[in-house]
Amino acid sequence: TQSRRLRSLPYTLSLNAGMDNSADIAFWNTQMHLILEESNGGGGENKSKTVQQQAPPQGQKACRYGASCNRSDCKFWHKGQEILKEPDLDVGDKLAKINKSWVPFELTLHLASDGTVHLSRERADLEFIQTQVYSLYAVCCNVIDPANPDVTNLVSSVKVGPTYHARIGSPVSQWYIFNDFTINPIPGEEAVWFNLKWKIPCVLCFTATTLSPLLEELEYKNPISVDVFSEDKSLLQRAGGKRITFTPLAAEEMPKKGDLVAIDAEFVTLNQEEAELRSDGKVSTVKAAHMSVARITCVRGAGRLEGVPFIDDYISTQEQVVDYLTKFSGIKPGDLDANFSSKHLTTLKSTYQKLRFLVDTGTIFVGHGLKNDFRVINIVVPSDQLIDTLYLYHMPHHRFVSLKFLAWYFLKSTIQGVTHDSIEDAVTSLRLYKKYLEMKKENKIMENLTKMYDVGKELNWKVPEP
């Protein structure tokens, strides 16, 4: 047997639940039953009870043959048939109903002078030199598909602290469940609720409620530096023949907190949407289309080179593209292939690093329909760093207006002729934002929006031919 003598208690605990064999699961199950019995006063678990129903439940019809019916599989209700009053729940579900769990939200550890760790200070023969209180902040579980036990999925529940929520509202703590791309708030009790038939705990993470002054004074340093803009990671730099459509940032132009950057992105389809026609005649989506980012453009929002792009990356993909959406994206077959492309073709990681640097620096993004763009790009941008012209030029209870129509009405310019161009769209969004600031200064926003909606209805929201 090996043992360690600790000199100090750690500030974080990552505990392996050890649920990779039937013996460990049985042990965990036993502990849950003991907690349930203790909660029931030591009287064991309540057994499921049945009662006889004297009237058909709501939504069910009584059998016309009554007691004379001799069909064992009769779907209708019969007088006196037994119904389950209390379903036979799993022990984990029963604990959840009474807000009990074997996993505590808080635990206290005591370090003795001999290096051993204890949950209490009851032993008088030991000298305790340190006490640390820990709070549960994350739980990772393995979710098993009951229909196919070989199919599993890791799901995390994380307690997000007040620092994050202070940016979007009141500074509170809230538990969230992270299930692949789906993130939803949950009550704290759900994080420590386990049904060992399909939701098995894997890792429990605790953090100390009081941190060392040394840790509190640590300064976060972004691992992504301005070097991502000086390194040309084009996949075509050896082959030559690439066409540069942007002007790289100079040293004095590096974005700072609050700087404006106009952005636009174009996408291609990797997998088409799968839909089925239901019996009621409506179309139901079985599987949504899989979109992939193909081009990202960032344009300077101020300065001597205002409106000039400093990022115009085409994203190389190894997956088969089923639809380039050329009419809407401007992307043509071959643009994303390193063997044929004449564009500034890069990897997704290279462009991600540039965007990540801009987000972490505090850059403010201007664009049209940014929520959808960043969702497909798969990067989270704080709401206070987004200026979306889709919402600036929108009146409540009215339709959203396209960038093309806004450019024609407010800027007297025609865009998106044959195809879309991300540089043109980004510059147009920037110009619309500057126009919005002018209208705001003149206090004419609502007046101009009302006129625009009137004109849009007359033209059926179609831009007149020049």
Protein backbone atom coordinates (compact mmCIF):
# COMPACT_ATOMS: atom_id res chain seq x y z
CA THR A 1 0.00 0.00 0.00
CA GLN A 2 1.31 3.42 -0.96
CA SER A 3 0.34 6.62 0.80
CA ARG A 4 1.25 10.28 0.44
CA ARG A 5 1.93 12.79 3.15
CA LEU A 6 0.63 16.17 2.11
CA ARG A 7 2.34 19.40 3.07
CA SER A 8 -0.68 21.55 2.22
CA LEU A 9 -4.19 21.15 0.90
CA PRO A 10 -4.73 21.91 -2.82
CA TYR A 11 -7.01 24.70 -4.05
CA THR A 12 -8.83 22.44 -6.51
CA LEU A 13 -9.96 18.83 -6.25
CA SER A 14 -10.69 16.63 -9.26
CA LEU A 15 -12.16 13.38 -7.97
CA ASN A 16 -12.48 10.33 -10.18
CA ALA A 17 -15.82 8.71 -9.35
CA GLY A 18 -14.32 5.33 -10.33
CA MET A 19 -17.47 4.03 -12.01
CA ASP A 20 -15.77 1.94 -14.69
CA ASN A 21 -16.75 -1.44 -13.25
CA SER A 22 -19.84 -3.08 -11.75
CA ALA A 23 -18.36 -3.29 -8.25
CA ASP A 24 -17.88 0.49 -8.00
CA ILE A 25 -21.38 1.13 -9.36
CA ALA A 26 -22.80 -1.30 -6.80
CA PHE A 27 -20.93 0.49 -3.99
CA TRP A 28 -22.27 3.88 -5.14
CA ASN A 29 -25.77 2.38 -5.38
CA THR A 30 -25.49 1.08 -1.81
CA GLN A 31 -24.55 4.52 -0.48
CA MET A 32 -27.55 6.06 -2.24
CA HIS A 33 -29.86 3.45 -0.67
CA LEU A 34 -28.42 4.16 2.79
CA ILE A 35 -29.12 7.90 2.38
CA LEU A 36 -32.67 7.11 1.24
CA GLU A 37 -33.29 4.82 4.21
CA GLU A 38 -31.91 7.42 6.60
CA SER A 39 -34.21 10.04 5.08
CA ASN A 40 -37.17 7.70 5.54
CA GLY A 41 -36.39 7.30 9.24
CA GLY A 42 -34.67 3.96 8.84
CA GLY A 43 -37.84 2.30 7.69
CA GLY A 44 -36.53 1.28 4.29
CA GLU A 45 -37.93 2.30 0.97
CA ASN A 46 -41.59 2.84 0.40
CA LYS A 47 -43.06 0.11 -1.75
CA SER A 48 -45.17 0.85 -4.76
CA LYS A 49 -48.86 0.79 -3.93
CA THR A 50 -51.81 0.13 -6.17
CA VAL A 51 -55.39 1.34 -5.96
CA GLN A 52 -58.50 0.47 -7.87
CA GLN A 53 -59.84 3.14 -10.17
CA GLN A 54 -63.62 3.55 -10.13
CA ALA A 55 -63.91 5.89 -13.13
CA PRO A 56 -61.96 6.08 -16.39
CA PRO A 57 -59.06 8.52 -16.31
CA GLN A 58 -59.25 11.65 -18.43
CA GLY A 59 -58.85 10.94 -22.13
CA GLN A 60 -59.66 7.21 -21.91
CA LYS A 61 -62.94 5.52 -22.80
CA ALA A 62 -64.62 2.74 -20.86
CA CYS A 63 -64.98 -0.66 -22.53
CA ARG A 64 -68.54 -1.17 -23.84
CA TYR A 65 -68.51 -4.83 -22.77
CA GLY A 66 -67.56 -4.05 -19.15
CA ALA A 67 -67.00 -7.11 -17.00
CA SER A 68 -68.03 -9.36 -19.92
CA CYS A 69 -64.95 -8.39 -21.94
CA ASN A 70 -62.60 -11.36 -22.29
CA ARG A 71 -59.86 -9.72 -24.38
CA SER A 72 -56.56 -9.74 -22.56
CA ASP A 73 -55.18 -6.92 -24.76
CA CYS A 74 -58.24 -4.66 -24.56
CA LYS A 75 -57.17 -1.03 -24.90
CA PHE A 76 -60.25 0.40 -23.14
CA TRP A 77 -60.72 1.04 -19.44
CA HIS A 78 -62.39 -1.53 -17.18
CA LYS A 79 -63.96 -0.80 -13.83
CA GLY A 80 -61.86 -1.91 -10.89
CA GLN A 81 -58.63 -2.28 -12.85
CA GLU A 82 -55.51 -1.57 -10.86
CA ILE A 83 -53.36 1.43 -11.59
CA LEU A 84 -49.94 2.22 -10.20
CA LYS A 85 -50.18 4.88 -7.54
CA GLU A 86 -46.48 5.32 -6.99
CA PRO A 87 -44.18 4.28 -9.85
CA ASP A 88 -41.19 2.15 -8.97
CA LEU A 89 -38.54 4.83 -9.30
CA ASP A 90 -34.79 4.33 -9.37
CA VAL A 91 -33.09 5.15 -6.07
CA GLY A 92 -31.45 8.18 -7.66
CA ASP A 93 -34.83 9.51 -8.79
CA LYS A 94 -36.25 8.95 -5.30
CA LEU A 95 -33.40 10.94 -3.77
CA ALA A 96 -33.99 13.73 -6.28
CA LYS A 97 -37.63 13.99 -5.22
CA ILE A 98 -36.56 14.71 -1.64
CA ASN A 99 -33.55 16.88 -2.68
CA LYS A 100 -30.97 14.45 -1.34
CA SER A 101 -27.72 13.29 -2.93
CA TRP A 102 -24.61 11.39 -1.95
CA VAL A 103 -22.49 14.14 -3.56
CA PRO A 104 -22.27 17.21 -1.31
CA PHE A 105 -22.23 20.76 -2.62
CA GLU A 106 -19.65 21.58 0.02
CA LEU A 107 -17.08 19.59 1.99
CA THR A 108 -14.40 20.43 4.55
CA LEU A 109 -10.98 18.78 4.72
CA HIS A 110 -8.55 18.94 7.64
CA LEU A 111 -4.80 18.37 7.22
CA ALA A 112 -2.93 16.87 10.15
CA SER A 113 0.75 17.45 10.94
CA ASP A 114 1.56 13.87 9.91
CA GLY A 115 0.35 14.62 6.35
CA THR A 116 -2.93 12.72 6.60
CA VAL A 117 -6.29 14.21 5.55
CA HIS A 118 -9.49 13.90 7.58
CA LEU A 119 -13.13 14.92 7.21
CA SER A 120 -13.41 15.93 10.88
CA ARG A 121 -11.22 17.07 13.77
CA GLU A 122 -12.50 14.46 16.20
CA ARG A 123 -9.17 12.71 16.77
CA ALA A 124 -7.55 14.30 19.81
CA ASP A 125 -4.20 12.59 19.18
CA LEU A 126 -3.64 14.56 15.97
CA GLU A 127 -2.47 18.11 15.48
CA PHE A 128 -4.36 19.79 12.62
CA ILE A 129 -2.40 22.43 10.72
CA GLN A 130 -4.79 23.43 7.91
CA THR A 131 -8.51 23.44 7.17
CA GLN A 132 -9.99 24.06 3.74
CA VAL A 133 -13.62 24.36 2.68
CA TYR A 134 -14.38 23.22 -0.87
CA SER A 135 -17.38 24.01 -3.07
CA LEU A 136 -18.61 21.81 -5.92
CA TYR A 137 -18.33 23.64 -9.25
CA ALA A 138 -18.43 20.95 -11.96
CA VAL A 139 -19.73 17.42 -12.51
CA CYS A 140 -18.99 15.30 -15.57
CA CYS A 141 -21.34 12.39 -16.33
CA ASN A 142 -21.50 9.61 -18.88
CA VAL A 143 -25.00 9.35 -20.37
CA ILE A 144 -25.93 5.94 -21.78
CA ASP A 145 -28.55 5.39 -24.46
CA PRO A 146 -30.96 2.82 -22.91
CA ALA A 147 -31.87 1.49 -26.38
CA ASN A 148 -28.20 1.04 -27.32
CA PRO A 149 -25.91 0.77 -24.27
CA ASP A 150 -22.82 0.99 -26.47
CA VAL A 151 -23.73 4.57 -27.40
CA THR A 152 -22.62 7.04 -24.71
CA ASN A 153 -22.15 10.80 -24.43
CA LEU A 154 -20.22 12.91 -21.94
CA VAL A 155 -22.26 15.73 -20.38
CA SER A 156 -20.93 18.37 -17.99
CA SER A 157 -22.72 20.47 -15.40
CA VAL A 158 -20.76 23.60 -14.49
CA LYS A 159 -21.43 26.30 -11.90
CA VAL A 160 -20.67 29.60 -13.62
CA GLY A 161 -19.72 32.29 -11.14
CA PRO A 162 -20.91 35.88 -10.68
CA THR A 163 -18.01 37.38 -12.66
CA TYR A 164 -19.54 36.19 -15.94
CA HIS A 165 -23.13 37.05 -15.07
CA ALA A 166 -22.18 40.58 -14.00
CA ARG A 167 -21.52 41.31 -17.68
CA ILE A 168 -25.05 40.34 -18.76
CA GLY A 169 -27.12 41.12 -15.67
CA SER A 170 -26.94 40.64 -11.93
CA PRO A 171 -23.79 39.07 -10.43
CA VAL A 172 -25.15 35.65 -9.42
CA SER A 173 -23.99 32.05 -9.69
CA GLN A 174 -25.87 29.65 -11.94
CA TRP A 175 -25.47 26.00 -12.93
CA TYR A 176 -25.41 25.16 -16.65
CA ILE A 177 -25.47 21.84 -18.49
CA PHE A 178 -23.09 21.50 -21.43
CA ASN A 179 -24.33 18.81 -23.81
CA ASP A 180 -22.26 18.99 -26.99
CA PHE A 181 -23.30 22.35 -28.54
CA THR A 182 -26.35 22.73 -26.31
CA ILE A 183 -25.97 24.87 -23.16
CA ASN A 184 -28.93 25.34 -20.82
CA PRO A 185 -29.35 26.63 -17.24
CA ILE A 186 -30.33 23.99 -14.68
CA PRO A 187 -31.07 23.94 -10.93
CA GLY A 188 -28.15 22.93 -8.78
CA GLU A 189 -29.97 19.79 -7.62
CA GLU A 190 -29.91 18.41 -11.17
CA ALA A 191 -26.11 18.54 -11.19
CA VAL A 192 -25.92 16.02 -8.31
CA TRP A 193 -28.86 13.86 -9.40
CA PHE A 194 -27.77 10.49 -10.79
CA ASN A 195 -29.67 7.51 -12.19
CA LEU A 196 -27.06 4.78 -12.36
CA LYS A 197 -28.96 3.03 -15.16
CA TRP A 198 -28.14 5.78 -17.65
CA LYS A 199 -26.49 8.81 -15.97
CA ILE A 200 -23.22 7.76 -14.37
CA PRO A 201 -20.91 10.28 -12.62
CA CYS A 202 -17.31 10.33 -13.88
CA VAL A 203 -15.47 13.33 -12.42
CA LEU A 204 -16.36 15.66 -9.54
CA CYS A 205 -14.59 19.02 -9.36
CA PHE A 206 -14.33 21.09 -6.19
CA THR A 207 -12.64 24.43 -5.63
CA ALA A 208 -11.56 26.11 -2.40
CA THR A 209 -13.89 28.86 -1.20
CA THR A 210 -10.91 30.99 -0.16
CA LEU A 211 -7.92 31.34 -2.47
CA SER A 212 -4.33 32.10 -1.67
CA PRO A 213 -3.38 35.79 -2.08
CA LEU A 214 -0.76 34.63 -4.56
CA LEU A 215 -3.43 33.11 -6.80
CA GLU A 216 -5.68 36.15 -6.54
CA GLU A 217 -2.83 38.39 -7.69
CA LEU A 218 -2.10 36.29 -10.78
CA GLU A 219 -2.61 38.25 -13.99
CA TYR A 220 -4.19 36.49 -16.94
CA LYS A 221 -2.01 36.56 -20.03
CA ASN A 222 -3.60 35.81 -23.37
CA PRO A 223 -1.69 32.93 -25.00
CA ILE A 224 -2.65 34.33 -28.43
CA SER A 225 -0.50 37.34 -29.30
CA VAL A 226 -0.47 39.92 -32.10
CA ASP A 227 1.91 37.60 -33.94
CA VAL A 228 -1.11 35.82 -35.46
CA PHE A 229 -1.53 38.84 -37.76
CA SER A 230 2.11 39.01 -38.82
CA GLU A 231 2.44 35.33 -39.71
CA ASP A 232 1.12 34.55 -43.19
CA LYS A 233 -0.23 31.01 -42.93
CA SER A 234 -1.65 30.81 -46.43
CA LEU A 235 -1.69 27.25 -47.77
CA LEU A 236 -0.65 28.61 -51.17
CA GLN A 237 2.45 30.56 -50.14
CA ARG A 238 4.77 28.01 -51.73
CA ALA A 239 2.75 27.51 -54.88
CA GLY A 240 2.38 31.24 -55.57
CA GLY A 241 -0.40 32.73 -57.64
CA LYS A 242 -2.58 33.76 -54.70
CA ARG A 243 -4.53 36.98 -54.95
CA ILE A 244 -4.27 39.21 -51.88
CA THR A 245 -7.50 41.13 -51.24
CA PHE A 246 -6.57 42.69 -47.90
CA THR A 247 -3.95 44.96 -46.36
CA PRO A 248 -2.29 43.45 -43.25
CA LEU A 249 -2.32 45.45 -40.03
CA ALA A 250 0.68 47.63 -39.31
CA ALA A 251 2.23 47.58 -35.83
CA GLU A 252 0.52 50.85 -34.83
CA GLU A 253 -2.87 49.56 -36.07
CA MET A 254 -3.18 46.57 -33.75
CA PRO A 255 -6.75 46.49 -32.36
CA LYS A 256 -7.37 47.74 -28.85
CA LYS A 257 -10.33 47.53 -26.53
CA GLY A 258 -13.31 49.41 -27.99
CA ASP A 259 -11.94 49.59 -31.54
CA LEU A 260 -14.51 49.03 -34.31
CA VAL A 261 -14.11 46.13 -36.72
CA ALA A 262 -16.69 45.33 -39.42
CA ILE A 263 -17.07 41.61 -40.08
CA ASP A 264 -18.88 39.33 -42.50
CA ALA A 265 -18.72 35.60 -43.12
CA GLU A 266 -19.81 33.30 -45.93
CA PHE A 267 -20.76 29.65 -45.58
CA VAL A 268 -21.10 26.45 -47.61
CA THR A 269 -23.23 23.37 -47.00
CA LEU A 270 -21.54 20.09 -46.09
CA ASN A 271 -24.71 18.07 -45.54
CA GLN A 272 -28.13 18.90 -46.88
CA GLU A 273 -31.15 19.20 -44.63
CA GLU A 274 -33.12 15.98 -44.18
CA ALA A 275 -36.88 16.39 -43.94
CA GLU A 276 -39.96 14.20 -44.07
CA LEU A 277 -43.57 14.80 -45.02
CA ARG A 278 -45.88 14.10 -42.08
CA SER A 279 -49.37 12.63 -42.34
CA ASP A 280 -50.92 16.06 -41.72
CA GLY A 281 -49.17 17.45 -44.81
CA LYS A 282 -46.53 19.45 -42.91
CA VAL A 283 -42.81 19.08 -43.50
CA SER A 284 -40.80 18.08 -40.44
CA THR A 285 -37.01 18.54 -40.26
CA VAL A 286 -35.30 15.29 -39.32
CA LYS A 287 -31.73 16.60 -39.50
CA ALA A 288 -30.70 20.23 -39.96
CA ALA A 289 -28.28 21.21 -42.70
CA HIS A 290 -24.61 21.19 -41.68
CA MET A 291 -23.05 24.54 -42.56
CA SER A 292 -19.34 25.29 -42.55
CA VAL A 293 -17.60 28.66 -42.60
CA ALA A 294 -15.84 29.24 -45.93
CA ARG A 295 -14.75 32.89 -45.83
CA ILE A 296 -14.23 35.44 -43.06
CA THR A 297 -13.57 39.13 -43.70
CA CYS A 298 -12.68 41.80 -41.15
CA VAL A 299 -12.53 45.48 -42.11
CA ARG A 300 -10.98 48.43 -40.29
CA GLY A 301 -13.67 50.52 -38.62
CA ALA A 302 -11.72 53.77 -38.24
CA GLY A 303 -8.46 55.45 -39.08
CA ARG A 304 -6.71 56.39 -42.29
CA LEU A 305 -7.54 53.01 -43.87
CA GLU A 306 -11.15 52.87 -42.68
CA GLY A 307 -13.11 50.37 -44.77
CA VAL A 308 -10.00 48.47 -45.89
CA PRO A 309 -9.99 44.75 -44.96
CA PHE A 310 -7.16 43.33 -42.85
CA ILE A 311 -8.52 39.76 -42.82
CA ASP A 312 -9.96 38.07 -45.89
CA ASP A 313 -9.39 34.37 -45.31
CA TYR A 314 -10.86 31.51 -47.30
CA ILE A 315 -11.11 28.45 -45.06
CA SER A 316 -9.81 25.18 -46.46
CA THR A 317 -11.95 22.13 -45.75
CA GLN A 318 -11.17 18.43 -46.15
CA GLU A 319 -14.85 17.52 -46.13
CA GLN A 320 -16.94 17.23 -49.25
CA VAL A 321 -19.00 20.33 -50.02
CA VAL A 322 -22.45 19.46 -51.34
CA ASP A 323 -23.52 23.06 -52.05
CA TYR A 324 -21.29 26.12 -52.40
CA LEU A 325 -24.35 28.44 -52.23
CA THR A 326 -22.52 30.63 -54.78
CA LYS A 327 -25.46 32.99 -55.27
CA PHE A 328 -25.43 33.87 -51.57
CA SER A 329 -21.80 33.23 -50.58
CA GLY A 330 -19.80 34.12 -53.69
CA ILE A 331 -17.79 30.92 -53.08
CA LYS A 332 -17.08 28.90 -56.23
CA PRO A 333 -15.90 25.32 -56.66
CA GLY A 334 -12.12 25.27 -56.32
CA ASP A 335 -11.90 28.33 -54.04
CA LEU A 336 -11.41 26.09 -50.99
CA ASP A 337 -9.09 23.58 -52.67
CA ALA A 338 -5.37 24.21 -52.19
CA ASN A 339 -4.66 22.59 -55.56
CA PHE A 340 -6.77 25.06 -57.55
CA SER A 341 -7.54 28.11 -55.39
CA SER A 342 -6.15 31.56 -56.15
CA LYS A 343 -7.53 32.97 -52.86
CA HIS A 344 -5.82 33.56 -49.52
CA LEU A 345 -6.55 30.03 -48.34
CA THR A 346 -5.87 29.22 -44.67
CA THR A 347 -6.78 26.65 -42.05
CA LEU A 348 -9.72 27.13 -39.71
CA LYS A 349 -7.36 27.18 -36.71
CA SER A 350 -5.32 30.07 -38.15
CA THR A 351 -8.41 32.25 -38.69
CA TYR A 352 -9.89 31.21 -35.33
CA GLN A 353 -6.79 32.50 -33.56
CA LYS A 354 -7.18 35.91 -35.20
CA LEU A 355 -10.85 36.13 -34.20
CA ARG A 356 -10.08 34.89 -30.70
CA PHE A 357 -7.47 37.63 -30.28
CA LEU A 358 -9.96 40.28 -31.43
CA VAL A 359 -12.64 39.00 -29.03
CA ASP A 360 -10.29 38.77 -26.04
CA THR A 361 -8.86 42.23 -26.77
CA GLY A 362 -12.34 43.76 -26.47
CA THR A 363 -12.85 44.66 -30.12
CA ILE A 364 -16.40 45.73 -31.05
CA PHE A 365 -17.76 43.89 -34.09
CA VAL A 366 -20.13 45.57 -36.55
CA GLY A 367 -22.11 43.45 -38.98
CA HIS A 368 -25.50 42.33 -40.26
CA GLY A 369 -26.95 39.16 -38.72
CA LEU A 370 -23.97 38.60 -36.43
CA LYS A 371 -25.77 36.18 -34.13
CA ASN A 372 -26.16 33.61 -36.88
CA ASP A 373 -22.65 34.21 -38.25
CA PHE A 374 -20.91 33.63 -34.92
CA ARG A 375 -23.15 30.64 -34.17
CA VAL A 376 -22.02 28.85 -37.34
CA ILE A 377 -18.41 30.00 -36.86
CA ASN A 378 -18.80 28.52 -33.37
CA ILE A 379 -17.28 31.30 -31.30
CA VAL A 380 -18.88 33.14 -28.38
CA VAL A 381 -18.72 36.94 -28.41
CA PRO A 382 -20.05 38.97 -25.43
CA SER A 383 -23.17 40.94 -26.32
CA ASP A 384 -21.51 44.24 -25.38
CA GLN A 385 -18.99 43.65 -28.19
CA LEU A 386 -21.66 43.28 -30.89
CA ILE A 387 -23.30 46.00 -32.99
CA ASP A 388 -25.78 44.34 -35.33
CA THR A 389 -27.33 46.53 -38.03
CA LEU A 390 -30.06 43.91 -38.36
CA TYR A 391 -31.42 45.16 -35.03
CA LEU A 392 -30.39 48.82 -35.32
CA TYR A 393 -32.66 49.20 -38.35
CA HIS A 394 -35.57 47.22 -36.94
CA MET A 395 -38.88 48.36 -35.48
CA PRO A 396 -40.72 46.17 -32.94
CA HIS A 397 -43.41 43.89 -34.43
CA HIS A 398 -42.06 44.46 -37.94
CA ARG A 399 -40.00 42.29 -40.25
CA PHE A 400 -36.21 42.40 -40.31
CA VAL A 401 -34.76 44.21 -43.31
CA SER A 402 -32.07 42.85 -45.62
CA LEU A 403 -28.67 44.48 -45.94
CA LYS A 404 -29.29 44.99 -49.64
CA PHE A 405 -32.47 47.02 -49.08
CA LEU A 406 -30.92 49.07 -46.25
CA ALA A 407 -27.94 49.95 -48.47
CA TRP A 408 -30.25 51.04 -51.30
CA TYR A 409 -32.54 53.12 -49.08
CA PHE A 410 -30.08 54.78 -46.68
CA LEU A 411 -26.78 54.74 -48.58
CA LYS A 412 -28.14 55.07 -52.13
CA SER A 413 -25.88 52.19 -53.20
CA THR A 414 -26.59 48.86 -54.86
CA ILE A 415 -24.89 45.76 -53.47
CA GLN A 416 -25.15 41.99 -53.89
CA GLY A 417 -25.69 42.15 -57.64
CA VAL A 418 -24.88 38.72 -59.10
CA THR A 419 -23.39 37.21 -55.92
CA HIS A 420 -22.54 38.27 -52.39
CA ASP A 421 -19.10 39.56 -51.47
CA SER A 422 -18.07 39.57 -47.82
CA ILE A 423 -15.84 42.65 -48.18
CA GLU A 424 -18.70 44.62 -49.73
CA ASP A 425 -21.14 43.41 -47.05
CA ALA A 426 -18.78 44.24 -44.18
CA VAL A 427 -18.07 47.75 -45.51
CA THR A 428 -21.81 48.32 -46.04
CA SER A 429 -22.56 47.30 -42.44
CA LEU A 430 -19.92 49.77 -41.23
CA ARG A 431 -21.38 52.58 -43.35
CA LEU A 432 -24.88 51.80 -42.06
CA TYR A 433 -23.66 52.01 -38.48
CA LYS A 434 -22.07 55.40 -39.14
CA LYS A 435 -25.36 56.49 -40.79
CA TYR A 436 -27.26 55.30 -37.72
CA LEU A 437 -25.06 57.45 -35.48
CA GLU A 438 -25.83 60.48 -37.68
CA MET A 439 -29.59 59.86 -37.43
CA LYS A 440 -29.28 59.38 -33.68
CA LYS A 441 -27.47 62.69 -33.34
CA GLU A 442 -30.27 64.39 -35.31
CA ASN A 443 -32.93 62.47 -33.32
CA LYS A 444 -34.49 61.14 -36.55
CA ILE A 445 -34.17 57.37 -36.10
CA MET A 446 -37.86 56.50 -35.68
CA GLU A 447 -38.92 59.00 -38.36
CA ASN A 448 -36.54 57.52 -40.93
CA LEU A 449 -37.33 53.91 -39.99
CA THR A 450 -41.05 54.57 -40.36
CA LYS A 451 -40.51 56.02 -43.85
CA MET A 452 -38.30 53.07 -44.79
CA TYR A 453 -40.93 50.52 -43.76
CA ASP A 454 -43.57 52.40 -45.75
CA VAL A 455 -41.38 52.38 -48.86
CA GLY A 456 -40.45 48.74 -48.30
CA LYS A 457 -44.09 47.67 -48.20
CA GLU A 458 -44.81 49.56 -51.42
CA LEU A 459 -41.90 47.87 -53.21
CA ASN A 460 -42.55 44.48 -51.59
CA TRP A 461 -39.03 44.83 -50.15
CA LYS A 462 -37.42 44.46 -53.56
CA VAL A 463 -34.69 46.87 -54.63
CA PRO A 464 -35.68 48.62 -57.90
CA GLU A 465 -33.56 47.89 -60.95
CA PRO A 466 -31.12 50.75 -61.68
